[in-house]
N, C-alpha and C. Protein backbone atom coordinates (compact mmCIF):
# COMPACT_ATOMS: atom_id res chain seq x y z
N UNK A 1 113.65 117.85 52.85
CA UNK A 1 114.53 117.93 54.30
C UNK A 1 113.28 117.53 54.99
N UNK A 2 112.20 118.52 54.99
CA UNK A 2 110.88 118.44 56.00
C UNK A 2 110.16 117.12 55.68
N UNK A 3 110.43 116.72 54.26
CA UNK A 3 109.13 115.20 54.06
C UNK A 3 110.08 114.36 54.60
N UNK A 4 111.19 114.26 54.81
CA UNK A 4 111.99 113.43 55.29
C UNK A 4 111.75 113.47 56.89
N UNK A 5 111.46 114.32 57.76
CA UNK A 5 111.30 114.20 58.79
C UNK A 5 110.05 113.97 59.25
N UNK A 6 108.94 114.32 58.13
CA UNK A 6 107.49 113.91 58.32
C UNK A 6 107.64 112.46 58.58
N UNK A 7 107.96 112.07 57.34
CA UNK A 7 108.11 110.32 56.64
C UNK A 7 108.74 109.78 58.08
N UNK A 8 109.77 110.25 58.69
CA UNK A 8 110.31 109.58 60.22
C UNK A 8 109.26 109.51 61.31
N UNK A 9 108.18 110.56 61.09
CA UNK A 9 107.86 110.61 62.75
C UNK A 9 106.82 110.24 62.56
N UNK A 10 106.54 109.71 61.17
CA UNK A 10 104.98 109.20 60.85
C UNK A 10 104.83 107.38 61.15
N UNK A 11 105.86 107.22 60.68
CA UNK A 11 106.42 105.34 61.10
C UNK A 11 105.96 104.75 59.60
N UNK A 12 106.50 103.76 59.71
CA UNK A 12 106.30 102.92 58.28
C UNK A 12 104.84 102.17 58.31
N UNK A 13 103.72 102.28 57.33
CA UNK A 13 102.69 102.03 56.68
C UNK A 13 102.31 100.61 57.54
N UNK A 14 103.51 99.44 57.39
CA UNK A 14 103.43 98.14 58.35
C UNK A 14 103.00 98.17 59.24
N UNK A 15 103.17 99.32 60.14
CA UNK A 15 103.75 99.49 61.60
C UNK A 15 102.26 99.28 62.11
N UNK A 16 101.05 99.62 61.37
CA UNK A 16 99.47 99.69 61.68
C UNK A 16 98.55 98.93 60.72
N UNK A 17 99.22 97.78 59.95
CA UNK A 17 98.45 96.87 59.53
C UNK A 17 97.97 95.66 60.37
N UNK A 18 98.70 95.37 61.47
CA UNK A 18 98.11 94.56 62.32
C UNK A 18 97.49 94.41 63.13
N UNK A 19 97.10 96.01 63.90
CA UNK A 19 95.96 96.52 64.47
C UNK A 19 94.95 96.63 63.97
N UNK A 20 95.24 97.13 62.38
CA UNK A 20 93.90 97.72 61.62
C UNK A 20 93.13 96.03 61.56
N UNK A 21 94.10 94.80 60.84
CA UNK A 21 93.05 93.88 60.81
C UNK A 21 92.92 93.32 62.07
N UNK A 22 93.36 92.91 63.28
CA UNK A 22 92.57 93.16 64.46
C UNK A 22 91.37 93.43 64.42
N UNK A 23 91.25 94.76 64.28
CA UNK A 23 90.22 95.43 64.91
C UNK A 23 89.18 95.33 63.81
N UNK A 24 89.43 94.83 62.25
CA UNK A 24 88.68 94.21 61.34
C UNK A 24 87.76 92.84 61.80
N UNK A 25 88.85 92.39 61.96
CA UNK A 25 88.33 90.91 62.55
C UNK A 25 87.42 90.94 63.94
N UNK A 26 87.41 91.68 64.81
CA UNK A 26 86.66 91.70 65.95
C UNK A 26 85.43 92.66 65.55
N UNK A 27 85.63 93.60 64.70
CA UNK A 27 84.33 94.09 64.23
C UNK A 27 83.27 92.97 64.07
N UNK A 28 83.94 92.16 62.50
CA UNK A 28 83.53 91.18 61.82
C UNK A 28 82.82 90.34 62.59
N UNK A 29 83.34 89.89 63.72
CA UNK A 29 82.64 89.05 64.80
C UNK A 29 81.68 89.42 65.97
N UNK A 30 81.98 91.00 66.23
CA UNK A 30 80.55 91.66 66.80
C UNK A 30 79.31 91.46 65.82
N UNK A 31 79.74 91.66 64.47
CA UNK A 31 78.40 91.73 63.64
C UNK A 31 77.83 90.39 63.42
N UNK A 32 78.62 89.63 63.37
CA UNK A 32 78.44 88.03 63.18
C UNK A 32 77.49 87.54 64.77
N UNK A 33 77.66 88.34 66.06
CA UNK A 33 77.20 87.65 66.80
C UNK A 33 76.21 88.86 66.82
N UNK A 34 75.79 89.61 66.59
CA UNK A 34 74.85 90.17 67.12
C UNK A 34 73.59 89.86 65.91
N UNK A 35 74.50 89.37 64.64
CA UNK A 35 72.99 89.09 63.90
C UNK A 35 72.55 87.36 64.07
N UNK A 36 73.28 86.87 64.66
CA UNK A 36 72.97 85.67 65.30
C UNK A 36 72.45 86.15 66.74
N UNK A 37 72.47 86.75 67.38
CA UNK A 37 71.68 87.09 68.53
C UNK A 37 70.22 87.54 68.37
N UNK A 38 69.94 88.08 67.26
CA UNK A 38 68.49 88.76 67.01
C UNK A 38 67.83 87.43 66.28
N UNK A 39 68.68 86.54 65.53
CA UNK A 39 68.15 85.11 65.19
C UNK A 39 67.65 84.04 66.00
N UNK A 40 68.79 83.96 66.93
CA UNK A 40 68.17 82.76 67.83
C UNK A 40 67.61 83.08 69.32
N UNK A 41 66.53 83.26 69.49
CA UNK A 41 66.27 83.80 71.12
C UNK A 41 66.20 83.06 72.37
N UNK A 42 66.27 81.71 71.99
CA UNK A 42 66.67 80.39 73.06
C UNK A 42 68.55 80.72 72.88
N UNK A 43 69.22 80.97 72.24
CA UNK A 43 70.57 81.21 72.67
C UNK A 43 70.64 82.51 73.28
N UNK A 44 70.03 83.51 73.07
CA UNK A 44 70.37 84.82 74.14
C UNK A 44 69.70 84.71 75.23
N UNK A 45 68.59 84.08 75.47
CA UNK A 45 67.85 83.70 76.88
C UNK A 45 69.24 83.07 77.79
N UNK A 46 69.65 81.89 77.13
CA UNK A 46 70.54 81.19 77.74
C UNK A 46 71.71 81.85 77.93
N UNK A 47 72.55 82.44 76.86
CA UNK A 47 73.54 83.77 77.16
C UNK A 47 73.25 84.45 78.48
N UNK A 48 72.04 85.01 78.17
CA UNK A 48 71.70 86.16 79.51
C UNK A 48 71.49 84.90 80.87
N UNK A 49 71.06 83.94 81.03
CA UNK A 49 71.04 83.69 81.78
C UNK A 49 72.49 82.89 82.29
N UNK A 50 73.16 82.80 81.87
CA UNK A 50 74.68 82.46 82.21
C UNK A 50 75.53 83.38 82.46
N UNK A 51 75.19 84.58 82.15
CA UNK A 51 76.15 85.73 82.13
C UNK A 51 75.44 86.49 83.91
N UNK A 52 73.98 86.22 83.40
CA UNK A 52 74.01 86.84 85.00
C UNK A 52 73.99 85.61 86.16
N UNK A 53 74.23 84.46 85.81
CA UNK A 53 74.89 83.72 87.10
C UNK A 53 76.02 83.57 87.20
N UNK A 54 76.95 84.44 86.14
CA UNK A 54 78.32 84.12 86.29
C UNK A 54 78.22 85.14 87.43
N UNK A 55 77.86 86.35 86.81
CA UNK A 55 77.91 87.71 87.79
C UNK A 55 77.53 87.74 89.40
N UNK A 56 76.44 86.68 89.57
CA UNK A 56 76.22 86.82 90.78
C UNK A 56 77.15 86.00 91.74
N UNK A 57 77.48 85.06 91.19
CA UNK A 57 78.36 84.08 92.01
C UNK A 57 79.59 84.88 91.92
N UNK A 58 80.07 85.44 91.27
CA UNK A 58 81.45 86.55 91.23
C UNK A 58 80.95 87.70 92.37
N UNK A 59 79.78 87.98 92.63
CA UNK A 59 79.65 89.18 93.57
C UNK A 59 79.16 88.28 94.76
N UNK A 60 78.94 86.98 95.00
CA UNK A 60 79.09 85.98 95.90
C UNK A 60 79.56 86.27 96.59
N UNK A 61 81.04 85.83 95.82
CA UNK A 61 82.37 85.46 95.89
C UNK A 61 83.37 86.21 96.52
N UNK A 62 82.99 87.54 96.19
CA UNK A 62 83.25 88.83 96.81
C UNK A 62 83.26 89.22 98.32
N UNK A 63 81.56 89.36 98.30
CA UNK A 63 80.85 89.80 99.90
C UNK A 63 81.70 88.75 100.46
N UNK A 64 81.79 87.36 100.52
CA UNK A 64 82.02 86.44 101.09
C UNK A 64 83.62 86.81 101.31
N UNK A 65 84.34 87.02 100.36
CA UNK A 65 85.97 87.28 100.96
C UNK A 65 85.78 88.62 101.83
N UNK A 66 85.00 89.39 101.41
CA UNK A 66 85.29 90.36 102.51
C UNK A 66 84.67 89.93 103.90
N UNK A 67 83.76 89.21 104.05
CA UNK A 67 83.26 88.95 105.18
C UNK A 67 84.14 88.11 105.94
N UNK A 68 84.65 86.99 105.74
CA UNK A 68 85.50 85.73 105.91
C UNK A 68 86.62 86.04 105.18
N UNK A 69 87.19 86.98 104.90
CA UNK A 69 88.28 86.82 104.38
C UNK A 69 89.52 86.99 105.08
N UNK A 70 89.61 87.91 106.14
CA UNK A 70 90.36 87.28 107.47
C UNK A 70 90.60 86.56 108.25
N UNK A 71 89.50 85.84 108.48
CA UNK A 71 89.30 84.50 108.92
C UNK A 71 90.04 83.14 108.49
N UNK A 72 89.82 83.17 106.93
CA UNK A 72 90.09 82.43 106.11
C UNK A 72 92.13 82.42 106.28
N UNK A 73 92.25 83.78 106.41
CA UNK A 73 93.57 84.21 106.06
C UNK A 73 94.69 84.03 107.49
N UNK A 74 93.56 84.13 108.58
CA UNK A 74 94.29 83.76 109.80
C UNK A 74 94.48 81.77 109.84
N UNK A 75 93.70 81.40 109.02
CA UNK A 75 94.20 79.92 109.86
C UNK A 75 95.08 79.42 108.85
N UNK A 76 95.38 80.10 108.00
CA UNK A 76 96.45 79.28 106.99
C UNK A 76 98.11 80.33 107.17
N UNK A 77 97.83 81.83 108.01
CA UNK A 77 99.05 82.47 107.79
C UNK A 77 98.97 82.71 109.13
N UNK A 78 99.58 81.71 110.41
CA UNK A 78 99.66 82.28 111.65
C UNK A 78 100.57 83.34 111.95
N UNK A 79 100.40 84.04 112.79
CA UNK A 79 101.44 85.02 113.34
C UNK A 79 102.27 84.36 114.09
N UNK A 80 103.41 84.67 114.41
CA UNK A 80 104.85 84.35 115.25
C UNK A 80 105.60 83.86 114.60
N UNK A 81 106.58 83.19 115.47
CA UNK A 81 108.03 82.83 115.27
C UNK A 81 107.63 81.60 114.28
N UNK A 82 109.41 81.39 113.61
CA UNK A 82 109.44 79.89 113.00
C UNK A 82 109.00 80.38 111.66
N UNK A 83 108.76 81.14 110.97
CA UNK A 83 108.45 81.45 109.71
C UNK A 83 106.64 82.07 109.14
N UNK A 84 106.57 81.43 107.61
CA UNK A 84 105.57 82.10 107.37
C UNK A 84 104.16 81.26 108.35
N UNK A 85 104.11 80.23 108.12
CA UNK A 85 102.93 79.12 109.03
C UNK A 85 103.15 78.98 110.49
N UNK A 86 104.02 79.54 111.25
CA UNK A 86 103.78 79.31 112.36
C UNK A 86 105.37 78.40 112.66
N UNK A 87 105.84 77.76 111.77
CA UNK A 87 106.71 77.00 112.35
C UNK A 87 106.41 75.48 112.96
N UNK A 88 107.71 75.11 113.57
CA UNK A 88 107.18 73.53 114.46
C UNK A 88 106.36 74.20 115.56
N UNK A 89 105.50 72.92 116.31
CA UNK A 89 105.57 73.18 117.70
C UNK A 89 106.38 72.71 118.68
N UNK A 90 106.75 73.60 119.47
CA UNK A 90 107.51 72.91 120.26
C UNK A 90 107.35 71.65 121.33
N UNK A 91 108.04 70.68 121.71
CA UNK A 91 107.38 69.68 122.30
C UNK A 91 107.75 68.06 121.46
N UNK A 92 107.29 67.45 121.90
CA UNK A 92 107.46 66.35 120.82
C UNK A 92 106.07 65.90 120.05
N UNK A 93 106.08 65.05 118.84
CA UNK A 93 104.90 65.22 118.16
C UNK A 93 103.54 63.96 118.56
N UNK A 94 102.75 64.03 118.88
CA UNK A 94 101.62 63.52 119.26
C UNK A 94 101.68 61.74 118.21
N UNK A 95 102.51 61.60 117.14
CA UNK A 95 102.36 60.66 116.12
C UNK A 95 103.70 59.73 116.38
N UNK A 96 103.33 58.38 116.66
CA UNK A 96 103.93 57.08 117.04
C UNK A 96 104.76 57.12 116.02
N UNK A 97 106.21 56.64 115.96
CA UNK A 97 106.99 56.06 114.58
C UNK A 97 106.84 54.55 114.75
N UNK A 98 106.51 54.29 113.70
CA UNK A 98 105.93 53.22 113.32
C UNK A 98 107.54 52.11 112.55
N UNK A 99 107.45 50.73 113.18
CA UNK A 99 108.67 50.73 113.22
C UNK A 99 109.96 50.52 113.41
N UNK A 100 109.77 51.85 114.12
CA UNK A 100 111.39 52.32 114.57
C UNK A 100 111.59 51.63 115.94
N UNK A 101 112.71 51.41 116.80
CA UNK A 101 113.37 50.99 117.87
C UNK A 101 113.73 52.26 118.50
N UNK A 102 114.40 52.12 119.66
CA UNK A 102 114.83 53.25 120.10
C UNK A 102 116.20 53.31 120.08
N UNK A 103 117.03 52.30 119.70
CA UNK A 103 118.46 52.15 119.29
C UNK A 103 118.95 53.01 117.92
N UNK A 104 118.02 52.94 117.20
CA UNK A 104 118.39 53.89 115.68
C UNK A 104 118.67 55.20 115.96
N UNK A 105 119.46 56.07 114.89
CA UNK A 105 119.35 57.16 115.42
C UNK A 105 118.70 57.78 114.29
N UNK A 106 118.18 59.29 114.62
CA UNK A 106 117.56 59.64 113.65
C UNK A 106 118.16 60.54 112.68
N UNK A 107 117.81 60.21 111.18
CA UNK A 107 118.38 61.00 110.28
C UNK A 107 117.80 62.21 110.45
N UNK A 108 118.72 63.49 109.80
CA UNK A 108 118.43 64.58 109.62
C UNK A 108 118.44 64.90 107.92
N UNK A 109 117.79 65.74 107.36
CA UNK A 109 117.39 66.55 106.19
C UNK A 109 118.67 66.84 105.70
N UNK A 110 120.16 66.57 106.16
CA UNK A 110 121.20 66.41 105.54
C UNK A 110 121.50 65.25 105.11
N UNK A 111 121.19 64.04 105.65
CA UNK A 111 121.45 62.70 105.61
C UNK A 111 120.86 62.18 103.96
């Protein structure tokens, strides 16, 4: 009876097979990367340069967002009545109607 309880709590052996294979594959990939890294100085230098460029770019984006983030957000999300973007302005539009006559009725969004 104790053996059955121990077997049930341990789980099936196939349960750990997929993560173990994944771990072995990642280990092998890491070893291959390291051996290639040691053999190719130019690739290593380019990789380091591109990695440094990525880190500096992300850091610059982070700093710029902290400085200008509220300004940018304020441009696109105006506060006030009428919904998220401030709704439509009161009064007439500054755009003229092309090809329209004054006798035609305006269509609504329901038509």
